[in-house]
Amino acid sequence: MKRWTTLAVSAALLALALFAGACGHSFEASDRAAITQQLDAQRAAWNRGDVVAFMDAYDRADDIVFTSGGRIRRGYDETLAKYRKSYSDKDAMGRLGFEILEIRPLGPDAALVLGEWRLTETPKEGAGLFSLVFERRPEGWRIVHDHSSLRAGH
């Protein structure tokens, strides 16, 4: 009897594992493309002076993290307020360019993006690095953690 119970439990666990694998996501080339598309839309929004559309790539949650200038900000609202204060209009925003250096999957529903940014045509010109953590949400891939730094000398 014990042997049959062990076999039944093993079979049930195997079936559950196969079912979970069949229903779960895996990180695909289409996910990489969706993240790249989000970043391209961000750049376009920035360059037309639309901070709110730029923020569409972020998860609208209180637990997102934005780190820059030696300061940690938490939440969508605080991050948007920081951008609105620092970049009050299109002239202050200037022109954003960046290069994606790497998109590294952190599992089926998360990825780390490493890149270089540069801001021109503004008194706030500069360049630096960014690392973003994207998570898959029902509405698509969204940034949940942003760490941007200014390159020395800027």
C-alpha atoms as a PDB file:
ATOM      1  CA  MET A   1       0.000   0.000   0.000  1.00  0.00           C
ATOM      2  CA  LYS A   2       2.826   2.382   0.872  1.00  0.00           C
ATOM      3  CA  ARG A   3       4.417   1.787  -2.540  1.00  0.00           C
ATOM      4  CA  TRP A   4       1.188   2.705  -4.361  1.00  0.00           C
ATOM      5  CA  THR A   5       0.830   5.869  -2.310  1.00  0.00           C
ATOM      6  CA  THR A   6       4.405   6.882  -3.131  1.00  0.00           C
ATOM      7  CA  LEU A   7       3.820   6.175  -6.837  1.00  0.00           C
ATOM      8  CA  ALA A   8       0.552   8.117  -6.823  1.00  0.00           C
ATOM      9  CA  VAL A   9       2.147  11.119  -5.090  1.00  0.00           C
ATOM     10  CA  SER A  10       5.134  11.003  -7.482  1.00  0.00           C
ATOM     11  CA  ALA A  11       2.849  10.819 -10.505  1.00  0.00           C
ATOM     12  CA  ALA A  12       0.759  13.724  -9.199  1.00  0.00           C
ATOM     13  CA  LEU A  13       3.879  15.846  -8.598  1.00  0.00           C
ATOM     14  CA  LEU A  14       5.205  15.051 -12.074  1.00  0.00           C
ATOM     15  CA  ALA A  15       1.868  15.974 -13.659  1.00  0.00           C
ATOM     16  CA  LEU A  16       1.761  19.213 -11.653  1.00  0.00           C
ATOM     17  CA  ALA A  17       5.313  20.114 -12.728  1.00  0.00           C
ATOM     18  CA  LEU A  18       4.509  19.414 -16.399  1.00  0.00           C
ATOM     19  CA  PHE A  19       1.286  21.430 -16.158  1.00  0.00           C
ATOM     20  CA  ALA A  20       3.069  24.362 -14.476  1.00  0.00           C
ATOM     21  CA  GLY A  21       5.748  24.333 -17.169  1.00  0.00           C
ATOM     22  CA  ALA A  22       3.153  24.280 -19.934  1.00  0.00           C
ATOM     23  CA  CYS A  23       1.225  27.196 -18.417  1.00  0.00           C
ATOM     24  CA  GLY A  24       4.204  29.327 -17.424  1.00  0.00           C
ATOM     25  CA  HIS A  25       5.980  31.931 -19.494  1.00  0.00           C
ATOM     26  CA  SER A  26       9.487  31.782 -20.780  1.00  0.00           C
ATOM     27  CA  PHE A  27      11.582  34.764 -21.836  1.00  0.00           C
ATOM     28  CA  GLU A  28      11.344  34.935 -25.631  1.00  0.00           C
ATOM     29  CA  ALA A  29      12.755  37.090 -28.405  1.00  0.00           C
ATOM     30  CA  SER A  30       9.344  38.795 -28.482  1.00  0.00           C
ATOM     31  CA  ASP A  31       9.855  39.856 -24.842  1.00  0.00           C
ATOM     32  CA  ARG A  32      13.202  41.419 -25.729  1.00  0.00           C
ATOM     33  CA  ALA A  33      11.485  43.229 -28.618  1.00  0.00           C
ATOM     34  CA  ALA A  34       8.653  44.450 -26.355  1.00  0.00           C
ATOM     35  CA  ILE A  35      11.134  45.881 -23.847  1.00  0.00           C
ATOM     36  CA  THR A  36      13.100  47.569 -26.629  1.00  0.00           C
ATOM     37  CA  GLN A  37       9.835  48.976 -27.997  1.00  0.00           C
ATOM     38  CA  GLN A  38       8.979  50.403 -24.552  1.00  0.00           C
ATOM     39  CA  LEU A  39      12.376  52.129 -24.399  1.00  0.00           C
ATOM     40  CA  ASP A  40      12.010  53.490 -27.941  1.00  0.00           C
ATOM     41  CA  ALA A  41       8.573  54.895 -27.017  1.00  0.00           C
ATOM     42  CA  GLN A  42      10.109  56.493 -23.916  1.00  0.00           C
ATOM     43  CA  ARG A  43      12.818  58.187 -25.961  1.00  0.00           C
ATOM     44  CA  ALA A  44      10.258  59.468 -28.478  1.00  0.00           C
ATOM     45  CA  ALA A  45       8.005  60.818 -25.699  1.00  0.00           C
ATOM     46  CA  TRP A  46      10.941  62.575 -24.040  1.00  0.00           C
ATOM     47  CA  ASN A  47      12.096  64.140 -27.284  1.00  0.00           C
ATOM     48  CA  ARG A  48       8.648  65.600 -27.964  1.00  0.00           C
ATOM     49  CA  GLY A  49       8.520  67.014 -24.404  1.00  0.00           C
ATOM     50  CA  ASP A  50       5.893  64.620 -23.000  1.00  0.00           C
ATOM     51  CA  VAL A  51       6.962  63.555 -19.480  1.00  0.00           C
ATOM     52  CA  VAL A  52       3.671  61.764 -18.770  1.00  0.00           C
ATOM     53  CA  ALA A  53       4.008  59.582 -21.881  1.00  0.00           C
ATOM     54  CA  PHE A  54       7.668  58.977 -20.956  1.00  0.00           C
ATOM     55  CA  MET A  55       6.431  57.606 -17.625  1.00  0.00           C
ATOM     56  CA  ASP A  56       4.099  55.119 -19.359  1.00  0.00           C
ATOM     57  CA  ALA A  57       6.966  52.602 -19.305  1.00  0.00           C
ATOM     58  CA  TYR A  58       6.938  52.595 -15.479  1.00  0.00           C
ATOM     59  CA  ASP A  59       4.658  50.434 -13.385  1.00  0.00           C
ATOM     60  CA  ARG A  60       2.054  52.694 -11.768  1.00  0.00           C
ATOM     61  CA  ALA A  61       2.726  51.349  -8.298  1.00  0.00           C
ATOM     62  CA  ASP A  62       3.844  52.715  -4.954  1.00  0.00           C
ATOM     63  CA  ASP A  63       6.713  50.237  -4.716  1.00  0.00           C
ATOM     64  CA  ILE A  64       8.709  51.136  -7.837  1.00  0.00           C
ATOM     65  CA  VAL A  65      12.201  52.450  -7.086  1.00  0.00           C
ATOM     66  CA  PHE A  66      13.961  55.308  -8.880  1.00  0.00           C
ATOM     67  CA  THR A  67      17.541  56.090  -7.865  1.00  0.00           C
ATOM     68  CA  SER A  68      19.536  59.030  -9.205  1.00  0.00           C
ATOM     69  CA  GLY A  69      21.690  61.822  -7.867  1.00  0.00           C
ATOM     70  CA  GLY A  70      22.447  59.847  -4.728  1.00  0.00           C
ATOM     71  CA  ARG A  71      18.760  59.777  -3.781  1.00  0.00           C
ATOM     72  CA  ILE A  72      16.184  56.992  -3.656  1.00  0.00           C
ATOM     73  CA  ARG A  73      12.615  57.774  -4.632  1.00  0.00           C
ATOM     74  CA  ARG A  74       9.761  55.324  -4.253  1.00  0.00           C
ATOM     75  CA  GLY A  75       6.535  55.128  -6.149  1.00  0.00           C
ATOM     76  CA  TYR A  76       5.209  56.229  -9.503  1.00  0.00           C
ATOM     77  CA  ASP A  77       3.858  59.540  -8.192  1.00  0.00           C
ATOM     78  CA  GLU A  78       7.143  60.566  -6.555  1.00  0.00           C
ATOM     79  CA  THR A  79       9.095  59.606  -9.685  1.00  0.00           C
ATOM     80  CA  LEU A  80       6.754  61.598 -11.935  1.00  0.00           C
ATOM     81  CA  ALA A  81       6.967  64.593  -9.571  1.00  0.00           C
ATOM     82  CA  LYS A  82      10.784  64.451  -9.720  1.00  0.00           C
ATOM     83  CA  TYR A  83      10.753  64.464 -13.520  1.00  0.00           C
ATOM     84  CA  ARG A  84       8.204  67.302 -13.662  1.00  0.00           C
ATOM     85  CA  LYS A  85      10.250  69.405 -11.234  1.00  0.00           C
ATOM     86  CA  SER A  86      13.597  68.788 -12.953  1.00  0.00           C
ATOM     87  CA  TYR A  87      12.282  69.006 -16.515  1.00  0.00           C
ATOM     88  CA  SER A  88       9.455  71.523 -16.469  1.00  0.00           C
ATOM     89  CA  ASP A  89       9.220  72.010 -20.244  1.00  0.00           C
ATOM     90  CA  LYS A  90      10.521  70.781 -23.599  1.00  0.00           C
ATOM     91  CA  ASP A  91      13.511  73.154 -23.526  1.00  0.00           C
ATOM     92  CA  ALA A  92      14.618  71.833 -20.133  1.00  0.00           C
ATOM     93  CA  MET A  93      14.154  68.251 -21.357  1.00  0.00           C
ATOM     94  CA  GLY A  94      16.387  68.644 -24.398  1.00  0.00           C
ATOM     95  CA  ARG A  95      17.097  65.612 -26.535  1.00  0.00           C
ATOM     96  CA  LEU A  96      17.477  62.106 -25.080  1.00  0.00           C
ATOM     97  CA  GLY A  97      19.521  59.414 -26.739  1.00  0.00           C
ATOM     98  CA  PHE A  98      20.631  56.088 -25.389  1.00  0.00           C
ATOM     99  CA  GLU A  99      22.186  52.799 -26.298  1.00  0.00           C
ATOM    100  CA  ILE A 100      20.958  49.516 -24.905  1.00  0.00           C
ATOM    101  CA  LEU A 101      24.052  47.495 -24.013  1.00  0.00           C
ATOM    102  CA  GLU A 102      22.360  44.391 -22.667  1.00  0.00           C
ATOM    103  CA  ILE A 103      18.974  42.880 -21.920  1.00  0.00           C
ATOM    104  CA  ARG A 104      19.425  40.017 -19.476  1.00  0.00           C
ATOM    105  CA  PRO A 105      16.451  37.821 -18.528  1.00  0.00           C
ATOM    106  CA  LEU A 106      16.069  37.389 -14.766  1.00  0.00           C
ATOM    107  CA  GLY A 107      13.421  34.714 -15.213  1.00  0.00           C
ATOM    108  CA  PRO A 108      10.363  34.338 -17.404  1.00  0.00           C
ATOM    109  CA  ASP A 109       8.753  37.567 -16.166  1.00  0.00           C
ATOM    110  CA  ALA A 110      11.672  39.890 -15.406  1.00  0.00           C
ATOM    111  CA  ALA A 111      14.667  41.365 -17.178  1.00  0.00           C
ATOM    112  CA  LEU A 112      17.591  43.655 -16.426  1.00  0.00           C
ATOM    113  CA  VAL A 113      18.434  46.310 -19.007  1.00  0.00           C
ATOM    114  CA  LEU A 114      21.842  47.968 -18.968  1.00  0.00           C
ATOM    115  CA  GLY A 115      22.484  51.028 -21.095  1.00  0.00           C
ATOM    116  CA  GLU A 116      24.116  54.394 -21.643  1.00  0.00           C
ATOM    117  CA  TRP A 117      22.119  57.619 -21.859  1.00  0.00           C
ATOM    118  CA  ARG A 118      22.956  61.102 -23.103  1.00  0.00           C
ATOM    119  CA  LEU A 119      21.009  64.319 -22.819  1.00  0.00           C
ATOM    120  CA  THR A 120      21.778  67.180 -25.241  1.00  0.00           C
ATOM    121  CA  GLU A 121      20.268  70.493 -26.364  1.00  0.00           C
ATOM    122  CA  THR A 122      19.513  71.547 -22.785  1.00  0.00           C
ATOM    123  CA  PRO A 123      21.298  73.378 -19.970  1.00  0.00           C
ATOM    124  CA  LYS A 124      21.073  70.051 -18.117  1.00  0.00           C
ATOM    125  CA  GLU A 125      23.252  68.221 -20.662  1.00  0.00           C
ATOM    126  CA  GLY A 126      24.899  65.079 -19.427  1.00  0.00           C
ATOM    127  CA  ALA A 127      25.589  61.434 -20.021  1.00  0.00           C
ATOM    128  CA  GLY A 128      25.709  58.347 -17.904  1.00  0.00           C
ATOM    129  CA  LEU A 129      24.556  54.818 -17.310  1.00  0.00           C
ATOM    130  CA  PHE A 130      21.252  53.231 -16.412  1.00  0.00           C
ATOM    131  CA  SER A 131      20.083  49.869 -15.202  1.00  0.00           C
ATOM    132  CA  LEU A 132      16.390  49.083 -15.333  1.00  0.00           C
ATOM    133  CA  VAL A 133      14.466  46.128 -13.990  1.00  0.00           C
ATOM    134  CA  PHE A 134      11.427  45.337 -16.103  1.00  0.00           C
ATOM    135  CA  GLU A 135       8.646  43.020 -14.972  1.00  0.00           C
ATOM    136  CA  ARG A 136       5.908  41.472 -17.065  1.00  0.00           C
ATOM    137  CA  ARG A 137       2.562  42.950 -16.022  1.00  0.00           C
ATOM    138  CA  PRO A 138      -0.920  42.281 -17.405  1.00  0.00           C
ATOM    139  CA  GLU A 139      -0.602  45.493 -19.467  1.00  0.00           C
ATOM    140  CA  GLY A 140       2.893  44.566 -20.718  1.00  0.00           C
ATOM    141  CA  TRP A 141       6.512  45.030 -19.660  1.00  0.00           C
ATOM    142  CA  ARG A 142       6.964  47.815 -17.097  1.00  0.00           C
ATOM    143  CA  ILE A 143       9.920  49.342 -15.251  1.00  0.00           C
ATOM    144  CA  VAL A 144       9.857  48.595 -11.516  1.00  0.00           C
ATOM    145  CA  HIS A 145      13.397  49.711 -10.668  1.00  0.00           C
ATOM    146  CA  ASP A 146      15.462  52.454 -12.331  1.00  0.00           C
ATOM    147  CA  HIS A 147      19.019  53.339 -11.333  1.00  0.00           C
ATOM    148  CA  SER A 148      20.493  56.138 -13.433  1.00  0.00           C
ATOM    149  CA  SER A 149      23.863  57.714 -12.808  1.00  0.00           C
ATOM    150  CA  LEU A 150      25.758  60.653 -14.246  1.00  0.00           C
ATOM    151  CA  ARG A 151      29.114  59.914 -15.831  1.00  0.00           C
ATOM    152  CA  ALA A 152      31.997  61.673 -14.066  1.00  0.00           C
ATOM    153  CA  GLY A 153      32.839  65.019 -15.639  1.00  0.00           C
ATOM    154  CA  HIS A 154      29.224  65.855 -16.560  1.00  0.00           C
END
